[in-house]
């Protein structure tokens, strides 16, 4: 089930409460991390700022990711031995307010 802007905003506000981010920063993050065609599954504060794990059942179209602002890292991992039927796409977004901090991941 896809996550909506409102749901993600609420979850991010709760998840990142310790970092004391302002609402406008949360809104900018939400606008960046929602990507059409990808199922958002995990979100981590990482050395880049924010690392997000997505899953998709189709070969990922990377143009949707590269059109986003501040992509610092991108990994694509195909699951399946004979036929690649599922892909994990991990994207690291630069978020200046979170850069250099680390924390546990949040499942979606």
PDB file of N, CA and C in Angstrom:
ATOM      1  N   UNK A   1       0.845  -1.179   0.000  1.00  0.00           N
ATOM      2  CA  UNK A   1       0.000   0.000   0.000  1.00  0.00           C
ATOM      3  C   UNK A   1       0.888   1.239   0.000  1.00  0.00           C
ATOM      4  N   UNK A   2       0.749   2.107  -1.009  1.00  0.00           N
ATOM      5  CA  UNK A   2       1.590   3.297  -1.086  1.00  0.00           C
ATOM      6  C   UNK A   2       1.356   4.251   0.080  1.00  0.00           C
ATOM      7  N   UNK A   3       2.417   4.905   0.465  1.00  0.00           N
ATOM      8  CA  UNK A   3       2.369   5.889   1.547  1.00  0.00           C
ATOM      9  C   UNK A   3       2.024   7.245   0.936  1.00  0.00           C
ATOM     10  N   UNK A   4       1.112   7.978   1.554  1.00  0.00           N
ATOM     11  CA  UNK A   4       0.736   9.307   1.062  1.00  0.00           C
ATOM     12  C   UNK A   4       1.650  10.372   1.662  1.00  0.00           C
ATOM     13  N   UNK A   5       1.591  11.561   1.095  1.00  0.00           N
ATOM     14  CA  UNK A   5       2.377  12.682   1.622  1.00  0.00           C
ATOM     15  C   UNK A   5       2.066  12.934   3.095  1.00  0.00           C
ATOM     16  N   UNK A   6       0.777  12.932   3.437  1.00  0.00           N
ATOM     17  CA  UNK A   6       0.363  13.215   4.810  1.00  0.00           C
ATOM     18  C   UNK A   6       0.861  12.142   5.770  1.00  0.00           C
ATOM     19  N   UNK A   7       0.713  10.866   5.384  1.00  0.00           N
ATOM     20  CA  UNK A   7       1.177   9.766   6.242  1.00  0.00           C
ATOM     21  C   UNK A   7       2.690   9.838   6.446  1.00  0.00           C
ATOM     22  N   UNK A   8       3.410  10.067   5.366  1.00  0.00           N
ATOM     23  CA  UNK A   8       4.861  10.135   5.466  1.00  0.00           C
ATOM     24  C   UNK A   8       5.298  11.325   6.306  1.00  0.00           C
ATOM     25  N   UNK A   9       4.630  12.445   6.152  1.00  0.00           N
ATOM     26  CA  UNK A   9       4.953  13.629   6.938  1.00  0.00           C
ATOM     27  C   UNK A   9       4.774  13.361   8.434  1.00  0.00           C
ATOM     28  N   UNK A  10       3.667  12.711   8.793  1.00  0.00           N
ATOM     29  CA  UNK A  10       3.417  12.378  10.196  1.00  0.00           C
ATOM     30  C   UNK A  10       4.468  11.401  10.723  1.00  0.00           C
ATOM     31  N   UNK A  11       4.776  10.389   9.940  1.00  0.00           N
ATOM     32  CA  UNK A  11       5.764   9.387  10.371  1.00  0.00           C
ATOM     33  C   UNK A  11       7.155   9.986  10.501  1.00  0.00           C
ATOM     34  N   UNK A  12       7.514  10.841   9.545  1.00  0.00           N
ATOM     35  CA  UNK A  12       8.827  11.492   9.619  1.00  0.00           C
ATOM     36  C   UNK A  12       8.916  12.425  10.815  1.00  0.00           C
ATOM     37  N   UNK A  13       7.869  13.165  11.078  1.00  0.00           N
ATOM     38  CA  UNK A  13       7.875  14.069  12.237  1.00  0.00           C
ATOM     39  C   UNK A  13       8.111  13.292  13.522  1.00  0.00           C
ATOM     40  N   UNK A  14       7.441  12.160  13.651  1.00  0.00           N
ATOM     41  CA  UNK A  14       7.615  11.334  14.851  1.00  0.00           C
ATOM     42  C   UNK A  14       8.997  10.685  14.859  1.00  0.00           C
ATOM     43  N   UNK A  15       9.420  10.155  13.712  1.00  0.00           N
ATOM     44  CA  UNK A  15      10.686   9.436  13.621  1.00  0.00           C
ATOM     45  C   UNK A  15      11.882  10.349  13.843  1.00  0.00           C
ATOM     46  N   UNK A  16      11.793  11.578  13.360  1.00  0.00           N
ATOM     47  CA  UNK A  16      12.922  12.504  13.432  1.00  0.00           C
ATOM     48  C   UNK A  16      12.757  13.549  14.532  1.00  0.00           C
ATOM     49  N   UNK A  17      11.876  13.290  15.490  1.00  0.00           N
ATOM     50  CA  UNK A  17      11.609  14.255  16.568  1.00  0.00           C
ATOM     51  C   UNK A  17      12.870  14.587  17.361  1.00  0.00           C
ATOM     52  N   UNK A  18      13.748  13.619  17.555  1.00  0.00           N
ATOM     53  CA  UNK A  18      14.982  13.857  18.314  1.00  0.00           C
ATOM     54  C   UNK A  18      15.923  14.839  17.626  1.00  0.00           C
ATOM     55  N   UNK A  19      15.770  15.000  16.331  1.00  0.00           N
ATOM     56  CA  UNK A  19      16.637  15.894  15.573  1.00  0.00           C
ATOM     57  C   UNK A  19      16.114  17.324  15.528  1.00  0.00           C
ATOM     58  N   UNK A  20      14.917  17.536  16.081  1.00  0.00           N
ATOM     59  CA  UNK A  20      14.320  18.867  16.188  1.00  0.00           C
ATOM     60  C   UNK A  20      14.312  19.619  14.848  1.00  0.00           C
ATOM     61  N   UNK A  21      13.748  18.951  13.833  1.00  0.00           N
ATOM     62  CA  UNK A  21      13.647  19.560  12.514  1.00  0.00           C
ATOM     63  C   UNK A  21      12.363  20.376  12.417  1.00  0.00           C
ATOM     64  N   UNK A  22      12.435  21.473  11.703  1.00  0.00           N
ATOM     65  CA  UNK A  22      11.264  22.321  11.517  1.00  0.00           C
ATOM     66  C   UNK A  22      10.331  21.698  10.493  1.00  0.00           C
ATOM     67  N   UNK A  23       9.078  22.129  10.505  1.00  0.00           N
ATOM     68  CA  UNK A  23       8.062  21.586   9.602  1.00  0.00           C
ATOM     69  C   UNK A  23       8.426  21.765   8.128  1.00  0.00           C
ATOM     70  N   UNK A  24       9.031  22.892   7.786  1.00  0.00           N
ATOM     71  CA  UNK A  24       9.390  23.110   6.381  1.00  0.00           C
ATOM     72  C   UNK A  24      10.475  22.141   5.914  1.00  0.00           C
ATOM     73  N   UNK A  25      11.366  21.745   6.815  1.00  0.00           N
ATOM     74  CA  UNK A  25      12.396  20.762   6.479  1.00  0.00           C
ATOM     75  C   UNK A  25      11.745  19.395   6.259  1.00  0.00           C
ATOM     76  N   UNK A  26      10.822  19.018   7.129  1.00  0.00           N
ATOM     77  CA  UNK A  26      10.093  17.754   6.978  1.00  0.00           C
ATOM     78  C   UNK A  26       9.345  17.746   5.645  1.00  0.00           C
ATOM     79  N   UNK A  27       8.707  18.842   5.308  1.00  0.00           N
ATOM     80  CA  UNK A  27       7.953  18.916   4.046  1.00  0.00           C
ATOM     81  C   UNK A  27       8.879  18.749   2.848  1.00  0.00           C
ATOM     82  N   UNK A  28      10.046  19.374   2.877  1.00  0.00           N
ATOM     83  CA  UNK A  28      11.016  19.235   1.784  1.00  0.00           C
ATOM     84  C   UNK A  28      11.493  17.791   1.655  1.00  0.00           C
ATOM     85  N   UNK A  29      11.710  17.132   2.790  1.00  0.00           N
ATOM     86  CA  UNK A  29      12.143  15.734   2.775  1.00  0.00           C
ATOM     87  C   UNK A  29      11.051  14.856   2.160  1.00  0.00           C
ATOM     88  N   UNK A  30       9.823  15.061   2.580  1.00  0.00           N
ATOM     89  CA  UNK A  30       8.691  14.272   2.055  1.00  0.00           C
ATOM     90  C   UNK A  30       8.595  14.440   0.538  1.00  0.00           C
ATOM     91  N   UNK A  31       8.715  15.667   0.054  1.00  0.00           N
ATOM     92  CA  UNK A  31       8.634  15.914  -1.386  1.00  0.00           C
ATOM     93  C   UNK A  31       9.750  15.188  -2.145  1.00  0.00           C
ATOM     94  N   UNK A  32      10.901  15.038  -1.514  1.00  0.00           N
ATOM     95  CA  UNK A  32      12.030  14.363  -2.162  1.00  0.00           C
ATOM     96  C   UNK A  32      11.900  12.853  -2.177  1.00  0.00           C
ATOM     97  N   UNK A  33      11.458  12.271  -1.063  1.00  0.00           N
ATOM     98  CA  UNK A  33      11.558  10.811  -0.939  1.00  0.00           C
ATOM     99  C   UNK A  33      10.400  10.031  -1.535  1.00  0.00           C
ATOM    100  N   UNK A  34       9.270  10.656  -1.826  1.00  0.00           N
ATOM    101  CA  UNK A  34       8.183   9.932  -2.478  1.00  0.00           C
ATOM    102  C   UNK A  34       8.462   9.859  -3.977  1.00  0.00           C
ATOM    103  N   UNK A  35       8.614   8.630  -4.486  1.00  0.00           N
ATOM    104  CA  UNK A  35       8.926   8.413  -5.899  1.00  0.00           C
ATOM    105  C   UNK A  35       7.868   7.486  -6.478  1.00  0.00           C
ATOM    106  N   UNK A  36       7.225   7.913  -7.550  1.00  0.00           N
ATOM    107  CA  UNK A  36       6.184   7.110  -8.199  1.00  0.00           C
ATOM    108  C   UNK A  36       6.742   5.767  -8.659  1.00  0.00           C
ATOM    109  N   UNK A  37       5.970   4.709  -8.413  1.00  0.00           N
ATOM    110  CA  UNK A  37       6.354   3.376  -8.848  1.00  0.00           C
ATOM    111  C   UNK A  37       7.203   2.616  -7.852  1.00  0.00           C
ATOM    112  N   UNK A  38       7.632   3.271  -6.791  1.00  0.00           N
ATOM    113  CA  UNK A  38       8.460   2.623  -5.770  1.00  0.00           C
ATOM    114  C   UNK A  38       7.690   2.546  -4.461  1.00  0.00           C
ATOM    115  N   UNK A  39       7.824   1.416  -3.789  1.00  0.00           N
ATOM    116  CA  UNK A  39       7.190   1.195  -2.494  1.00  0.00           C
ATOM    117  C   UNK A  39       8.216   1.511  -1.409  1.00  0.00           C
ATOM    118  N   UNK A  40       8.005   2.587  -0.671  1.00  0.00           N
ATOM    119  CA  UNK A  40       8.933   3.005   0.383  1.00  0.00           C
ATOM    120  C   UNK A  40       8.816   2.033   1.547  1.00  0.00           C
ATOM    121  N   UNK A  41       9.948   1.433   1.957  1.00  0.00           N
ATOM    122  CA  UNK A  41       9.912   0.420   3.000  1.00  0.00           C
ATOM    123  C   UNK A  41      10.726   0.757   4.244  1.00  0.00           C
ATOM    124  N   UNK A  42      11.826   1.448   4.093  1.00  0.00           N
ATOM    125  CA  UNK A  42      12.688   1.708   5.249  1.00  0.00           C
ATOM    126  C   UNK A  42      13.345   3.065   5.078  1.00  0.00           C
ATOM    127  N   UNK A  43      13.532   3.719   6.201  1.00  0.00           N
ATOM    128  CA  UNK A  43      14.116   5.039   6.209  1.00  0.00           C
ATOM    129  C   UNK A  43      15.130   5.096   7.346  1.00  0.00           C
ATOM    130  N   UNK A  44      16.342   5.530   7.047  1.00  0.00           N
ATOM    131  CA  UNK A  44      17.423   5.619   8.034  1.00  0.00           C
ATOM    132  C   UNK A  44      18.073   6.987   7.985  1.00  0.00           C
ATOM    133  N   UNK A  45      18.462   7.490   9.116  1.00  0.00           N
ATOM    134  CA  UNK A  45      19.364   8.627   9.152  1.00  0.00           C
ATOM    135  C   UNK A  45      20.754   8.026   8.936  1.00  0.00           C
ATOM    136  N   UNK A  46      21.463   8.532   7.943  1.00  0.00           N
ATOM    137  CA  UNK A  46      22.773   7.965   7.600  1.00  0.00           C
ATOM    138  C   UNK A  46      23.784   9.089   7.410  1.00  0.00           C
ATOM    139  N   UNK A  47      24.999   8.736   7.052  1.00  0.00           N
ATOM    140  CA  UNK A  47      26.051   9.744   6.917  1.00  0.00           C
ATOM    141  C   UNK A  47      25.778  10.741   5.794  1.00  0.00           C
ATOM    142  N   UNK A  48      24.931  10.393   4.827  1.00  0.00           N
ATOM    143  CA  UNK A  48      24.572  11.318   3.754  1.00  0.00           C
ATOM    144  C   UNK A  48      23.493  12.291   4.182  1.00  0.00           C
ATOM    145  N   UNK A  49      22.725  11.882   5.149  1.00  0.00           N
ATOM    146  CA  UNK A  49      21.567  12.645   5.597  1.00  0.00           C
ATOM    147  C   UNK A  49      20.418  11.692   5.841  1.00  0.00           C
ATOM    148  N   UNK A  50      19.818  11.176   4.751  1.00  0.00           N
ATOM    149  CA  UNK A  50      18.686  10.268   4.870  1.00  0.00           C
ATOM    150  C   UNK A  50      18.812   9.181   3.810  1.00  0.00           C
ATOM    151  N   UNK A  51      18.793   7.922   4.226  1.00  0.00           N
ATOM    152  CA  UNK A  51      18.849   6.792   3.307  1.00  0.00           C
ATOM    153  C   UNK A  51      17.488   6.107   3.311  1.00  0.00           C
ATOM    154  N   UNK A  52      16.966   5.854   2.115  1.00  0.00           N
ATOM    155  CA  UNK A  52      15.631   5.305   1.958  1.00  0.00           C
ATOM    156  C   UNK A  52      15.716   4.030   1.126  1.00  0.00           C
ATOM    157  N   UNK A  53      15.067   2.962   1.607  1.00  0.00           N
ATOM    158  CA  UNK A  53      14.951   1.716   0.854  1.00  0.00           C
ATOM    159  C   UNK A  53      13.586   1.653   0.213  1.00  0.00           C
ATOM    160  N   UNK A  54      13.597   1.422  -1.083  1.00  0.00           N
ATOM    161  CA  UNK A  54      12.372   1.253  -1.860  1.00  0.00           C
ATOM    162  C   UNK A  54      12.379  -0.159  -2.436  1.00  0.00           C
ATOM    163  N   UNK A  55      11.198  -0.673  -2.748  1.00  0.00           N
ATOM    164  CA  UNK A  55      11.072  -1.937  -3.467  1.00  0.00           C
ATOM    165  C   UNK A  55      10.160  -1.728  -4.658  1.00  0.00           C
ATOM    166  N   UNK A  56      10.446  -2.477  -5.722  1.00  0.00           N
ATOM    167  CA  UNK A  56       9.620  -2.446  -6.917  1.00  0.00           C
ATOM    168  C   UNK A  56       9.653  -3.819  -7.571  1.00  0.00           C
ATOM    169  N   UNK A  57       8.556  -4.189  -8.219  1.00  0.00           N
ATOM    170  CA  UNK A  57       8.479  -5.465  -8.910  1.00  0.00           C
ATOM    171  C   UNK A  57       8.878  -5.354 -10.372  1.00  0.00           C
ATOM    172  N   UNK A  58       9.139  -4.165 -10.835  1.00  0.00           N
ATOM    173  CA  UNK A  58       9.553  -3.923 -12.217  1.00  0.00           C
ATOM    174  C   UNK A  58      10.989  -3.411 -12.211  1.00  0.00           C
ATOM    175  N   UNK A  59      11.721  -3.605 -13.297  1.00  0.00           N
ATOM    176  CA  UNK A  59      13.054  -2.987 -13.352  1.00  0.00           C
ATOM    177  C   UNK A  59      12.930  -1.490 -13.089  1.00  0.00           C
ATOM    178  N   UNK A  60      13.716  -0.978 -12.151  1.00  0.00           N
ATOM    179  CA  UNK A  60      13.548   0.427 -11.741  1.00  0.00           C
ATOM    180  C   UNK A  60      13.930   1.411 -12.843  1.00  0.00           C
ATOM    181  N   UNK A  61      13.106   2.423 -12.969  1.00  0.00           N
ATOM    182  CA  UNK A  61      13.410   3.535 -13.875  1.00  0.00           C
ATOM    183  C   UNK A  61      14.152   4.583 -13.062  1.00  0.00           C
ATOM    184  N   UNK A  62      15.408   4.726 -13.337  1.00  0.00           N
ATOM    185  CA  UNK A  62      16.252   5.590 -12.523  1.00  0.00           C
ATOM    186  C   UNK A  62      16.100   7.067 -12.856  1.00  0.00           C
ATOM    187  N   UNK A  63      15.460   7.390 -13.976  1.00  0.00           N
ATOM    188  CA  UNK A  63      15.275   8.801 -14.306  1.00  0.00           C
ATOM    189  C   UNK A  63      14.394   9.502 -13.281  1.00  0.00           C
ATOM    190  N   UNK A  64      13.463   8.775 -12.655  1.00  0.00           N
ATOM    191  CA  UNK A  64      12.630   9.351 -11.604  1.00  0.00           C
ATOM    192  C   UNK A  64      13.428   9.687 -10.361  1.00  0.00           C
ATOM    193  N   UNK A  65      14.474   8.915 -10.120  1.00  0.00           N
ATOM    194  CA  UNK A  65      15.329   9.170  -8.957  1.00  0.00           C
ATOM    195  C   UNK A  65      16.275  10.323  -9.244  1.00  0.00           C
ATOM    196  N   UNK A  66      16.910  10.288 -10.425  1.00  0.00           N
ATOM    197  CA  UNK A  66      17.881  11.321 -10.735  1.00  0.00           C
ATOM    198  C   UNK A  66      17.243  12.684 -10.979  1.00  0.00           C
ATOM    199  N   UNK A  67      15.929  12.722 -11.149  1.00  0.00           N
ATOM    200  CA  UNK A  67      15.261  14.010 -11.285  1.00  0.00           C
ATOM    201  C   UNK A  67      15.061  14.673  -9.922  1.00  0.00           C
ATOM    202  N   UNK A  68      15.260  13.903  -8.845  1.00  0.00           N
ATOM    203  CA  UNK A  68      15.112  14.441  -7.491  1.00  0.00           C
ATOM    204  C   UNK A  68      16.338  15.268  -7.121  1.00  0.00           C
ATOM    205  N   UNK A  69      16.147  16.154  -6.184  1.00  0.00           N
ATOM    206  CA  UNK A  69      17.220  17.034  -5.726  1.00  0.00           C
ATOM    207  C   UNK A  69      18.056  16.314  -4.669  1.00  0.00           C
ATOM    208  N   UNK A  70      19.347  16.532  -4.703  1.00  0.00           N
ATOM    209  CA  UNK A  70      20.267  16.103  -3.645  1.00  0.00           C
ATOM    210  C   UNK A  70      20.377  14.592  -3.470  1.00  0.00           C
ATOM    211  N   UNK A  71      20.418  13.839  -4.565  1.00  0.00           N
ATOM    212  CA  UNK A  71      20.687  12.406  -4.468  1.00  0.00           C
ATOM    213  C   UNK A  71      22.193  12.254  -4.314  1.00  0.00           C
ATOM    214  N   UNK A  72      22.627  11.680  -3.182  1.00  0.00           N
ATOM    215  CA  UNK A  72      24.044  11.524  -2.893  1.00  0.00           C
ATOM    216  C   UNK A  72      24.544  10.122  -3.206  1.00  0.00           C
ATOM    217  N   UNK A  73      23.652   9.130  -3.159  1.00  0.00           N
ATOM    218  CA  UNK A  73      24.063   7.747  -3.382  1.00  0.00           C
ATOM    219  C   UNK A  73      22.873   6.956  -3.923  1.00  0.00           C
ATOM    220  N   UNK A  74      23.180   5.959  -4.763  1.00  0.00           N
ATOM    221  CA  UNK A  74      22.141   5.115  -5.335  1.00  0.00           C
ATOM    222  C   UNK A  74      22.655   3.688  -5.458  1.00  0.00           C
ATOM    223  N   UNK A  75      21.883   2.726  -4.953  1.00  0.00           N
ATOM    224  CA  UNK A  75      22.195   1.298  -5.087  1.00  0.00           C
ATOM    225  C   UNK A  75      20.945   0.591  -5.585  1.00  0.00           C
ATOM    226  N   UNK A  76      21.128  -0.348  -6.505  1.00  0.00           N
ATOM    227  CA  UNK A  76      20.021  -1.183  -6.976  1.00  0.00           C
ATOM    228  C   UNK A  76      20.442  -2.625  -6.778  1.00  0.00           C
ATOM    229  N   UNK A  77      19.602  -3.410  -6.102  1.00  0.00           N
ATOM    230  CA  UNK A  77      19.893  -4.813  -5.852  1.00  0.00           C
ATOM    231  C   UNK A  77      18.733  -5.663  -6.360  1.00  0.00           C
ATOM    232  N   UNK A  78      19.006  -6.555  -7.335  1.00  0.00           N
ATOM    233  CA  UNK A  78      17.931  -7.427  -7.833  1.00  0.00           C
ATOM    234  C   UNK A  78      17.796  -8.671  -6.960  1.00  0.00           C
ATOM    235  N   UNK A  79      16.566  -9.005  -6.573  1.00  0.00           N
ATOM    236  CA  UNK A  79      16.287 -10.245  -5.865  1.00  0.00           C
ATOM    237  C   UNK A  79      15.811 -11.267  -6.888  1.00  0.00           C
ATOM    238  N   UNK A  80      16.075 -12.529  -6.636  1.00  0.00           N
ATOM    239  CA  UNK A  80      15.683 -13.588  -7.559  1.00  0.00           C
ATOM    240  C   UNK A  80      16.926 -14.175  -8.201  1.00  0.00           C
ATOM    241  N   UNK A  81      16.949 -15.467  -8.366  1.00  0.00           N
ATOM    242  CA  UNK A  81      18.134 -16.130  -8.907  1.00  0.00           C
ATOM    243  C   UNK A  81      18.032 -16.256 -10.425  1.00  0.00           C
ATOM    244  N   UNK A  82      16.992 -16.873 -10.905  1.00  0.00           N
ATOM    245  CA  UNK A  82      16.853 -17.088 -12.339  1.00  0.00           C
ATOM    246  C   UNK A  82      16.206 -15.882 -13.000  1.00  0.00           C
ATOM    247  N   UNK A  83      15.163 -15.391 -12.403  1.00  0.00           N
ATOM    248  CA  UNK A  83      14.427 -14.269 -12.959  1.00  0.00           C
ATOM    249  C   UNK A  83      14.376 -13.157 -11.910  1.00  0.00           C
ATOM    250  N   UNK A  84      14.910 -12.000 -12.244  1.00  0.00           N
ATOM    251  CA  UNK A  84      14.875 -10.882 -11.305  1.00  0.00           C
ATOM    252  C   UNK A  84      13.448 -10.384 -11.221  1.00  0.00           C
ATOM    253  N   UNK A  85      12.790 -10.698 -10.113  1.00  0.00           N
ATOM    254  CA  UNK A  85      11.376 -10.359  -9.992  1.00  0.00           C
ATOM    255  C   UNK A  85      11.096  -9.249  -8.989  1.00  0.00           C
ATOM    256  N   UNK A  86      12.100  -8.840  -8.256  1.00  0.00           N
ATOM    257  CA  UNK A  86      11.921  -7.779  -7.268  1.00  0.00           C
ATOM    258  C   UNK A  86      13.249  -7.037  -7.138  1.00  0.00           C
ATOM    259  N   UNK A  87      13.167  -5.735  -6.968  1.00  0.00           N
ATOM    260  CA  UNK A  87      14.367  -4.915  -6.868  1.00  0.00           C
ATOM    261  C   UNK A  87      14.299  -4.053  -5.613  1.00  0.00           C
ATOM    262  N   UNK A  88      15.427  -3.984  -4.909  1.00  0.00           N
ATOM    263  CA  UNK A  88      15.555  -3.024  -3.809  1.00  0.00           C
ATOM    264  C   UNK A  88      16.397  -1.874  -4.338  1.00  0.00           C
ATOM    265  N   UNK A  89      15.889  -0.683  -4.159  1.00  0.00           N
ATOM    266  CA  UNK A  89      16.592   0.520  -4.578  1.00  0.00           C
ATOM    267  C   UNK A  89      16.846   1.335  -3.318  1.00  0.00           C
ATOM    268  N   UNK A  90      18.103   1.562  -3.005  1.00  0.00           N
ATOM    269  CA  UNK A  90      18.467   2.357  -1.826  1.00  0.00           C
ATOM    270  C   UNK A  90      19.032   3.690  -2.307  1.00  0.00           C
ATOM    271  N   UNK A  91      18.429   4.760  -1.817  1.00  0.00           N
ATOM    272  CA  UNK A  91      18.833   6.101  -2.222  1.00  0.00           C
ATOM    273  C   UNK A  91      19.269   6.876  -0.989  1.00  0.00           C
ATOM    274  N   UNK A  92      20.423   7.497  -1.081  1.00  0.00           N
ATOM    275  CA  UNK A  92      20.898   8.390  -0.030  1.00  0.00           C
ATOM    276  C   UNK A  92      20.650   9.835  -0.459  1.00  0.00           C
ATOM    277  N   UNK A  93      19.853  10.545   0.306  1.00  0.00           N
ATOM    278  CA  UNK A  93      19.550  11.951   0.015  1.00  0.00           C
ATOM    279  C   UNK A  93      20.373  12.842   0.932  1.00  0.00           C
ATOM    280  N   UNK A  94      20.940  13.885   0.371  1.00  0.00           N
ATOM    281  CA  UNK A  94      21.647  14.874   1.189  1.00  0.00           C
ATOM    282  C   UNK A  94      20.618  15.734   1.907  1.00  0.00           C
ATOM    283  N   UNK A  95      20.695  15.719   3.223  1.00  0.00           N
ATOM    284  CA  UNK A  95      19.849  16.573   4.054  1.00  0.00           C
ATOM    285  C   UNK A  95      20.802  17.248   5.035  1.00  0.00           C
ATOM    286  N   UNK A  96      21.090  18.507   4.773  1.00  0.00           N
ATOM    287  CA  UNK A  96      22.090  19.220   5.569  1.00  0.00           C
ATOM    288  C   UNK A  96      21.809  19.150   7.064  1.00  0.00           C
ATOM    289  N   UNK A  97      20.540  19.205   7.440  1.00  0.00           N
ATOM    290  CA  UNK A  97      20.166  19.201   8.854  1.00  0.00           C
ATOM    291  C   UNK A  97      20.440  17.858   9.527  1.00  0.00           C
ATOM    292  N   UNK A  98      20.624  16.802   8.750  1.00  0.00           N
ATOM    293  CA  UNK A  98      20.861  15.464   9.311  1.00  0.00           C
ATOM    294  C   UNK A  98      22.259  14.924   9.015  1.00  0.00           C
ATOM    295  N   UNK A  99      23.018  15.610   8.201  1.00  0.00           N
ATOM    296  CA  UNK A  99      24.301  15.106   7.747  1.00  0.00           C
ATOM    297  C   UNK A  99      25.230  14.791   8.911  1.00  0.00           C
ATOM    298  N   UNK A 100      25.848  13.614   8.860  1.00  0.00           N
ATOM    299  CA  UNK A 100      26.788  13.186   9.881  1.00  0.00           C
ATOM    300  C   UNK A 100      26.165  12.541  11.101  1.00  0.00           C
ATOM    301  N   UNK A 101      24.861  12.559  11.229  1.00  0.00           N
ATOM    302  CA  UNK A 101      24.175  11.910  12.350  1.00  0.00           C
ATOM    303  C   UNK A 101      23.771  10.507  11.918  1.00  0.00           C
ATOM    304  N   UNK A 102      23.600   9.618  12.889  1.00  0.00           N
ATOM    305  CA  UNK A 102      23.133   8.273  12.563  1.00  0.00           C
ATOM    306  C   UNK A 102      22.039   7.886  13.536  1.00  0.00           C
ATOM    307  N   UNK A 103      21.265   6.892  13.150  1.00  0.00           N
ATOM    308  CA  UNK A 103      20.184   6.422  14.012  1.00  0.00           C
ATOM    309  C   UNK A 103      19.655   5.118  13.485  1.00  0.00           C
ATOM    310  N   UNK A 104      18.737   4.502  14.223  1.00  0.00           N
ATOM    311  CA  UNK A 104      18.114   3.257  13.794  1.00  0.00           C
ATOM    312  C   UNK A 104      17.112   3.527  12.694  1.00  0.00           C
ATOM    313  N   UNK A 105      16.810   2.500  11.938  1.00  0.00           N
ATOM    314  CA  UNK A 105      15.887   2.630  10.826  1.00  0.00           C
ATOM    315  C   UNK A 105      14.433   2.547  11.257  1.00  0.00           C
ATOM    316  N   UNK A 106      13.582   3.063  10.429  1.00  0.00           N
ATOM    317  CA  UNK A 106      12.139   2.994  10.667  1.00  0.00           C
ATOM    318  C   UNK A 106      11.501   2.223   9.527  1.00  0.00           C
ATOM    319  N   UNK A 107      10.737   1.221   9.865  1.00  0.00           N
ATOM    320  CA  UNK A 107      10.043   0.414   8.864  1.00  0.00           C
ATOM    321  C   UNK A 107       8.742   1.084   8.473  1.00  0.00           C
ATOM    322  N   UNK A 108       8.346   0.933   7.214  1.00  0.00           N
ATOM    323  CA  UNK A 108       7.077   1.479   6.730  1.00  0.00           C
ATOM    324  C   UNK A 108       6.201   0.364   6.252  1.00  0.00           C
TER     325      UNK A 108
END
